[in-house]
Each structure stands twice: as C-alpha cells, then as structure tokens.
C-alpha cells in the first residue's frame, strides 16, 4: 500500500487485530527476555542477514542518502546564517 508520492499508507487495524498484536509482542519480548538461547539464535540470524550482499547494498544506499541530506542541510544552514549576518550589517549601517 503506497501512495503516489512513495509514502507508505498504514493499514487500518481493528481493535481485535491491535489486541492480538499487543499480546503477540508481549509474548515475544517475554520469550526474548527469559530464554537466552532464543535471543542468541535471533542475534545470529540478524548478523547473517546483515551480511547478505543485498543488505550491504541497501545500507550503502541509506548511508549515501543520509550523507546527502546532512550536506544539503548544513549548506542551507550556512547560507541562512550568512544571509542573516548580511541583513544585520545592513541594519547597522542604515541606523
């Protein structure tokens, strides 16, 4: 379920479905907390999953997007600060 602009639309759940999810999550977290073997097995699966070439490529893309975002953010901020300083100078000279 995606909107035209690429944003995922959340599935609307009934109260019963929400309750089932809550119960499942509680049981799952209790199992993780109480059974160290279960937790170790899950961590191992997660580690192996992250080593797949697709996962590495996906992480690389994510990293690049973040890098670009922060570069643009800081450039925009730098331009904004310089513009504010310019306006402050103009105010000082006009007074």
N, C-alpha and C. Protein backbone atom coordinates (compact mmCIF):
# COMPACT_ATOMS: atom_id res chain seq x y z
N UNK A 1 0.84 -1.19 0.00
CA UNK A 1 0.00 0.00 0.00
C UNK A 1 0.88 1.25 0.00
N UNK A 2 1.05 1.85 -1.18
CA UNK A 2 1.83 3.07 -1.28
C UNK A 2 1.01 4.14 -1.98
N UNK A 3 1.17 5.35 -1.49
CA UNK A 3 0.53 6.48 -2.14
C UNK A 3 1.37 6.85 -3.36
N UNK A 4 0.89 7.77 -4.15
CA UNK A 4 1.58 8.12 -5.39
C UNK A 4 2.94 8.76 -5.15
N UNK A 5 3.15 9.37 -3.98
CA UNK A 5 4.43 10.03 -3.73
C UNK A 5 5.43 9.12 -3.03
N UNK A 6 5.16 7.82 -2.95
CA UNK A 6 6.11 6.88 -2.37
C UNK A 6 5.99 6.69 -0.87
N UNK A 7 5.03 7.34 -0.24
CA UNK A 7 4.84 7.21 1.20
C UNK A 7 3.93 6.03 1.47
N UNK A 8 4.34 5.19 2.40
CA UNK A 8 3.51 4.02 2.72
C UNK A 8 2.33 4.44 3.57
N UNK A 9 1.18 3.93 3.24
CA UNK A 9 -0.03 4.19 4.00
C UNK A 9 -0.20 3.07 5.01
N UNK A 10 -0.42 3.44 6.26
CA UNK A 10 -0.57 2.41 7.29
C UNK A 10 -1.88 1.66 7.12
N UNK A 11 -1.82 0.37 7.38
CA UNK A 11 -3.02 -0.45 7.32
C UNK A 11 -3.87 -0.12 8.54
N UNK A 12 -5.15 0.07 8.33
CA UNK A 12 -6.05 0.36 9.43
C UNK A 12 -6.43 -0.95 10.10
N UNK A 13 -6.16 -1.05 11.39
CA UNK A 13 -6.42 -2.28 12.12
C UNK A 13 -7.67 -2.15 12.98
N UNK A 14 -8.35 -3.27 13.14
CA UNK A 14 -9.49 -3.29 14.04
C UNK A 14 -8.95 -3.41 15.47
N UNK A 15 -9.81 -3.15 16.44
CA UNK A 15 -9.39 -3.27 17.84
C UNK A 15 -8.93 -4.68 18.17
N UNK A 16 -9.60 -5.66 17.57
CA UNK A 16 -9.23 -7.06 17.81
C UNK A 16 -7.83 -7.35 17.28
N UNK A 17 -7.54 -6.85 16.07
CA UNK A 17 -6.21 -7.06 15.49
C UNK A 17 -5.13 -6.36 16.31
N UNK A 18 -5.44 -5.17 16.80
CA UNK A 18 -4.49 -4.45 17.63
C UNK A 18 -4.19 -5.23 18.90
N UNK A 19 -5.23 -5.78 19.51
CA UNK A 19 -5.07 -6.55 20.74
C UNK A 19 -4.23 -7.81 20.49
N UNK A 20 -4.48 -8.48 19.36
CA UNK A 20 -3.70 -9.67 19.02
C UNK A 20 -2.22 -9.33 18.86
N UNK A 21 -1.95 -8.20 18.20
CA UNK A 21 -0.56 -7.77 18.02
C UNK A 21 0.11 -7.47 19.36
N UNK A 22 -0.62 -6.78 20.23
CA UNK A 22 -0.06 -6.48 21.56
C UNK A 22 0.30 -7.75 22.31
N UNK A 23 -0.62 -8.71 22.30
CA UNK A 23 -0.37 -9.97 23.00
C UNK A 23 0.81 -10.71 22.40
N UNK A 24 0.87 -10.76 21.07
CA UNK A 24 1.98 -11.43 20.41
C UNK A 24 3.30 -10.76 20.79
N UNK A 25 3.33 -9.42 20.74
CA UNK A 25 4.55 -8.70 21.07
C UNK A 25 4.97 -8.92 22.52
N UNK A 26 4.01 -8.96 23.43
CA UNK A 26 4.33 -9.23 24.84
C UNK A 26 4.94 -10.61 25.01
N UNK A 27 4.32 -11.61 24.38
CA UNK A 27 4.84 -12.98 24.47
C UNK A 27 6.23 -13.08 23.86
N UNK A 28 6.41 -12.43 22.73
CA UNK A 28 7.69 -12.45 22.03
C UNK A 28 8.79 -11.83 22.90
N UNK A 29 8.51 -10.67 23.47
CA UNK A 29 9.51 -9.99 24.29
C UNK A 29 9.79 -10.78 25.58
N UNK A 30 8.78 -11.41 26.13
CA UNK A 30 8.99 -12.24 27.32
C UNK A 30 9.90 -13.42 26.97
N UNK A 31 9.67 -14.00 25.81
CA UNK A 31 10.50 -15.13 25.38
C UNK A 31 11.94 -14.68 25.18
N UNK A 32 12.13 -13.52 24.59
CA UNK A 32 13.49 -13.00 24.39
C UNK A 32 14.18 -12.76 25.73
N UNK A 33 13.42 -12.23 26.67
CA UNK A 33 13.99 -11.90 27.99
C UNK A 33 14.34 -13.15 28.77
N UNK A 34 13.47 -14.16 28.70
CA UNK A 34 13.61 -15.33 29.57
C UNK A 34 14.45 -16.45 28.97
N UNK A 35 14.57 -16.50 27.64
CA UNK A 35 15.27 -17.60 27.01
C UNK A 35 16.53 -17.10 26.30
N UNK A 36 17.70 -17.21 26.94
CA UNK A 36 18.93 -16.69 26.34
C UNK A 36 19.30 -17.39 25.02
N UNK A 37 18.92 -18.67 24.87
CA UNK A 37 19.23 -19.38 23.63
C UNK A 37 18.43 -18.77 22.46
N UNK A 38 17.18 -18.45 22.73
CA UNK A 38 16.33 -17.84 21.71
C UNK A 38 16.93 -16.51 21.28
N UNK A 39 17.36 -15.71 22.22
CA UNK A 39 17.95 -14.42 21.93
C UNK A 39 19.24 -14.59 21.13
N UNK A 40 20.09 -15.52 21.54
CA UNK A 40 21.36 -15.75 20.84
C UNK A 40 21.11 -16.20 19.39
N UNK A 41 20.11 -17.08 19.23
CA UNK A 41 19.79 -17.57 17.89
C UNK A 41 19.30 -16.42 17.01
N UNK A 42 18.46 -15.57 17.57
CA UNK A 42 17.95 -14.43 16.81
C UNK A 42 19.07 -13.46 16.42
N UNK A 43 19.96 -13.21 17.35
CA UNK A 43 21.07 -12.29 17.06
C UNK A 43 21.95 -12.85 15.95
N UNK A 44 22.15 -14.17 15.97
CA UNK A 44 22.96 -14.81 14.92
C UNK A 44 22.28 -14.68 13.56
N UNK A 45 20.97 -14.92 13.50
CA UNK A 45 20.23 -14.78 12.25
C UNK A 45 20.31 -13.33 11.75
N UNK A 46 20.19 -12.39 12.65
CA UNK A 46 20.24 -10.97 12.30
C UNK A 46 21.62 -10.64 11.73
N UNK A 47 22.67 -11.12 12.38
CA UNK A 47 24.04 -10.86 11.92
C UNK A 47 24.25 -11.43 10.52
N UNK A 48 23.78 -12.66 10.29
CA UNK A 48 23.92 -13.29 8.98
C UNK A 48 23.12 -12.54 7.92
N UNK A 49 21.95 -12.08 8.30
CA UNK A 49 21.09 -11.36 7.37
C UNK A 49 21.76 -10.06 6.92
N UNK A 50 22.44 -9.39 7.84
CA UNK A 50 23.09 -8.13 7.51
C UNK A 50 24.33 -8.32 6.63
N UNK A 51 24.80 -9.55 6.53
CA UNK A 51 25.99 -9.81 5.71
C UNK A 51 25.64 -10.14 4.26
N UNK A 52 24.35 -10.30 3.97
CA UNK A 52 23.93 -10.58 2.60
C UNK A 52 24.30 -9.40 1.70
N UNK A 53 24.66 -9.66 0.44
CA UNK A 53 25.02 -8.57 -0.48
C UNK A 53 23.89 -7.53 -0.64
N UNK A 54 22.63 -8.01 -0.68
CA UNK A 54 21.51 -7.07 -0.84
C UNK A 54 21.43 -6.14 0.36
N UNK A 55 21.64 -6.69 1.56
CA UNK A 55 21.57 -5.88 2.77
C UNK A 55 22.70 -4.85 2.80
N UNK A 56 23.88 -5.28 2.36
CA UNK A 56 25.01 -4.35 2.34
C UNK A 56 24.75 -3.22 1.34
N UNK A 57 24.19 -3.57 0.20
CA UNK A 57 23.89 -2.55 -0.82
C UNK A 57 22.83 -1.58 -0.30
N UNK A 58 21.83 -2.11 0.35
CA UNK A 58 20.75 -1.28 0.91
C UNK A 58 21.31 -0.32 1.96
N UNK A 59 22.20 -0.82 2.80
CA UNK A 59 22.81 0.03 3.84
C UNK A 59 23.68 1.11 3.21
N UNK A 60 24.38 0.76 2.13
CA UNK A 60 25.22 1.73 1.44
C UNK A 60 24.35 2.86 0.86
N UNK A 61 23.21 2.49 0.25
CA UNK A 61 22.29 3.49 -0.30
C UNK A 61 21.74 4.38 0.81
N UNK A 62 21.36 3.78 1.91
CA UNK A 62 20.83 4.54 3.05
C UNK A 62 21.87 5.53 3.55
N UNK A 63 23.10 5.06 3.65
CA UNK A 63 24.18 5.91 4.11
C UNK A 63 24.40 7.09 3.17
N UNK A 64 24.36 6.82 1.88
CA UNK A 64 24.54 7.89 0.89
C UNK A 64 23.42 8.92 0.97
N UNK A 65 22.18 8.44 1.14
CA UNK A 65 21.04 9.36 1.26
C UNK A 65 21.21 10.25 2.49
N UNK A 66 21.63 9.65 3.60
CA UNK A 66 21.83 10.43 4.83
C UNK A 66 22.94 11.46 4.64
N UNK A 67 24.01 11.03 3.98
CA UNK A 67 25.14 11.93 3.73
C UNK A 67 24.67 13.13 2.92
N UNK A 68 23.92 12.88 1.86
CA UNK A 68 23.41 13.96 1.01
C UNK A 68 22.47 14.88 1.78
N UNK A 69 21.60 14.28 2.59
CA UNK A 69 20.64 15.07 3.37
C UNK A 69 21.38 16.03 4.29
N UNK A 70 22.36 15.51 5.04
CA UNK A 70 23.06 16.36 6.00
C UNK A 70 23.94 17.38 5.31
N UNK A 71 24.49 17.03 4.15
CA UNK A 71 25.29 18.00 3.39
C UNK A 71 24.38 19.16 2.96
N UNK A 72 23.22 18.83 2.41
CA UNK A 72 22.27 19.87 1.99
C UNK A 72 21.80 20.69 3.18
N UNK A 73 21.54 20.02 4.29
CA UNK A 73 21.07 20.70 5.50
C UNK A 73 22.09 21.72 5.96
N UNK A 74 23.35 21.31 6.06
CA UNK A 74 24.39 22.22 6.55
C UNK A 74 24.69 23.34 5.57
N UNK A 75 24.63 23.05 4.27
CA UNK A 75 24.82 24.12 3.28
C UNK A 75 23.70 25.14 3.39
N UNK A 76 22.47 24.65 3.51
CA UNK A 76 21.33 25.55 3.65
C UNK A 76 21.44 26.39 4.90
N UNK A 77 21.87 25.77 5.96
CA UNK A 77 22.02 26.50 7.23
C UNK A 77 23.12 27.55 7.11
N UNK A 78 24.21 27.19 6.46
CA UNK A 78 25.33 28.12 6.28
C UNK A 78 24.88 29.33 5.47
N UNK A 79 24.12 29.07 4.40
CA UNK A 79 23.61 30.17 3.57
C UNK A 79 22.66 31.05 4.38
N UNK A 80 21.84 30.44 5.19
CA UNK A 80 20.89 31.19 6.01
C UNK A 80 21.62 32.08 7.00
N UNK A 81 22.64 31.54 7.64
CA UNK A 81 23.42 32.32 8.62
C UNK A 81 24.10 33.49 7.93
N UNK A 82 24.68 33.24 6.76
CA UNK A 82 25.35 34.33 6.04
C UNK A 82 24.35 35.40 5.63
N UNK A 83 23.16 34.99 5.23
CA UNK A 83 22.11 35.96 4.85
C UNK A 83 21.68 36.79 6.06
N UNK A 84 21.53 36.15 7.22
CA UNK A 84 21.16 36.87 8.44
C UNK A 84 22.24 37.88 8.80
N UNK A 85 23.51 37.49 8.71
CA UNK A 85 24.61 38.41 9.02
C UNK A 85 24.61 39.60 8.07
N UNK A 86 24.32 39.32 6.79
CA UNK A 86 24.24 40.38 5.80
C UNK A 86 23.15 41.38 6.17
N UNK A 87 21.98 40.86 6.54
CA UNK A 87 20.87 41.73 6.92
C UNK A 87 21.19 42.52 8.18
N UNK A 88 21.88 41.90 9.14
CA UNK A 88 22.28 42.61 10.35
C UNK A 88 23.23 43.75 10.02
N UNK A 89 24.16 43.51 9.11
CA UNK A 89 25.09 44.57 8.68
C UNK A 89 24.32 45.72 8.05
N UNK A 90 23.36 45.38 7.21
CA UNK A 90 22.56 46.41 6.56
C UNK A 90 21.80 47.22 7.58
N UNK A 91 21.28 46.56 8.61
CA UNK A 91 20.56 47.28 9.67
C UNK A 91 21.48 48.21 10.41
N UNK A 92 22.68 47.77 10.73
CA UNK A 92 23.63 48.59 11.47
C UNK A 92 24.05 49.80 10.66
N UNK A 93 24.26 49.62 9.37
CA UNK A 93 24.69 50.74 8.53
C UNK A 93 23.56 51.71 8.25
N UNK A 94 22.33 51.23 8.24
CA UNK A 94 21.19 52.10 7.94
C UNK A 94 20.77 52.94 9.15
N UNK A 95 21.17 52.51 10.36
CA UNK A 95 20.75 53.23 11.57
C UNK A 95 21.64 54.37 11.88
